Structure formats: C-alpha cells, structure tokens
Amino acid sequence: MKRKYGDLSHWKGVLQKTYRQIHIDEVDFTGHVTLVVFNKVKEPISFKLTDHDDFNIVADGFI
C-alpha cells in the first residue's frame, strides 16, 4: 500500500512550516483534513504553463 503524509516532512526545501491535521467522520466525508503553511522555503517551486507565466506551487507564505 502506498502511503502519503500530509506533513510533507520528506520535502527537503521547506525550512519552516506550520502543520495542522484533523480527522472528520461525517456522512458526506470521512478522512483527514490537512493544513500546511510554508513559512520559509529554500527556493520557490514552479512550472511553466504553455503560453503563460510560471505557475508557483510552493513559495514563502503559501498555504
């Protein structure tokens, strides 16, 4: 089974982050909800969209 972790502890470029997670068990949704705030990263992560500017995925202050 493949596991994914919401705390993103495997990301090496994150220098400082805030992480919160709660478990919800409702009729419409059962699972974990995760919030990660990237307070400080080594360098932003972005990619180029066709005919557009760079699209930022992670940078300082991103939630």
Protein backbone atom coordinates (compact mmCIF):
# COMPACT_ATOMS: atom_id res chain seq x y z
CA MET A 1 0.00 0.00 0.00
CA LYS A 2 1.28 3.43 -0.92
CA ARG A 3 1.24 5.93 1.95
CA LYS A 4 1.12 9.68 1.65
CA TYR A 5 1.90 12.02 4.53
CA GLY A 6 0.29 15.43 4.78
CA ASP A 7 3.04 16.92 6.93
CA LEU A 8 5.39 16.97 3.88
CA SER A 9 8.33 16.03 6.13
CA HIS A 10 10.07 14.45 3.13
CA TRP A 11 10.33 17.82 1.32
CA LYS A 12 13.92 18.98 1.79
CA GLY A 13 13.42 22.58 0.62
CA VAL A 14 10.99 23.53 3.41
CA LEU A 15 12.91 25.46 6.06
CA GLN A 16 9.96 26.39 8.31
CA LYS A 17 6.31 25.31 8.20
CA THR A 18 3.14 25.19 10.29
CA TYR A 19 1.14 21.96 10.10
CA ARG A 20 -2.34 21.05 11.38
CA GLN A 21 -4.42 17.93 10.79
CA ILE A 22 -7.87 16.81 11.96
CA HIS A 23 -9.92 13.69 11.34
CA ILE A 24 -13.53 14.15 10.20
CA ASP A 25 -16.11 11.36 10.32
CA GLU A 26 -19.34 12.62 8.73
CA VAL A 27 -21.98 11.19 6.39
CA ASP A 28 -20.58 13.00 3.32
CA PHE A 29 -16.87 12.75 4.16
CA THR A 30 -14.64 10.56 6.28
CA GLY A 31 -10.91 11.26 6.36
CA HIS A 32 -8.15 13.63 7.34
CA VAL A 33 -8.05 17.33 6.52
CA THR A 34 -4.58 18.85 6.47
CA LEU A 35 -3.34 22.45 6.51
CA VAL A 36 0.30 23.25 5.72
CA VAL A 37 1.61 26.83 5.80
CA PHE A 38 5.02 27.24 4.15
CA ASN A 39 6.54 29.98 6.29
CA LYS A 40 10.01 29.76 4.71
CA VAL A 41 11.29 27.69 1.76
CA LYS A 42 14.78 27.35 0.32
CA GLU A 43 13.56 28.37 -3.14
CA PRO A 44 10.09 28.54 -4.72
CA ILE A 45 8.83 25.58 -6.76
CA SER A 46 7.12 26.47 -10.02
CA PHE A 47 6.49 25.16 -13.51
CA LYS A 48 5.80 26.72 -16.89
CA LEU A 49 2.30 26.55 -18.33
CA THR A 50 2.01 26.74 -22.11
CA ASP A 51 1.82 30.40 -23.23
CA HIS A 52 1.64 31.65 -19.60
CA ASP A 53 3.97 32.85 -16.91
CA ASP A 54 5.44 30.46 -14.35
CA PHE A 55 2.85 28.83 -12.09
CA ASN A 56 4.06 28.83 -8.44
CA ILE A 57 3.28 25.73 -6.38
CA VAL A 58 5.31 26.48 -3.22
CA ALA A 59 6.84 29.75 -2.01
CA ASP A 60 7.22 31.68 1.25
CA GLY A 61 3.80 32.22 2.85
CA PHE A 62 1.89 29.75 0.65
CA ILE A 63 -0.92 27.79 2.34
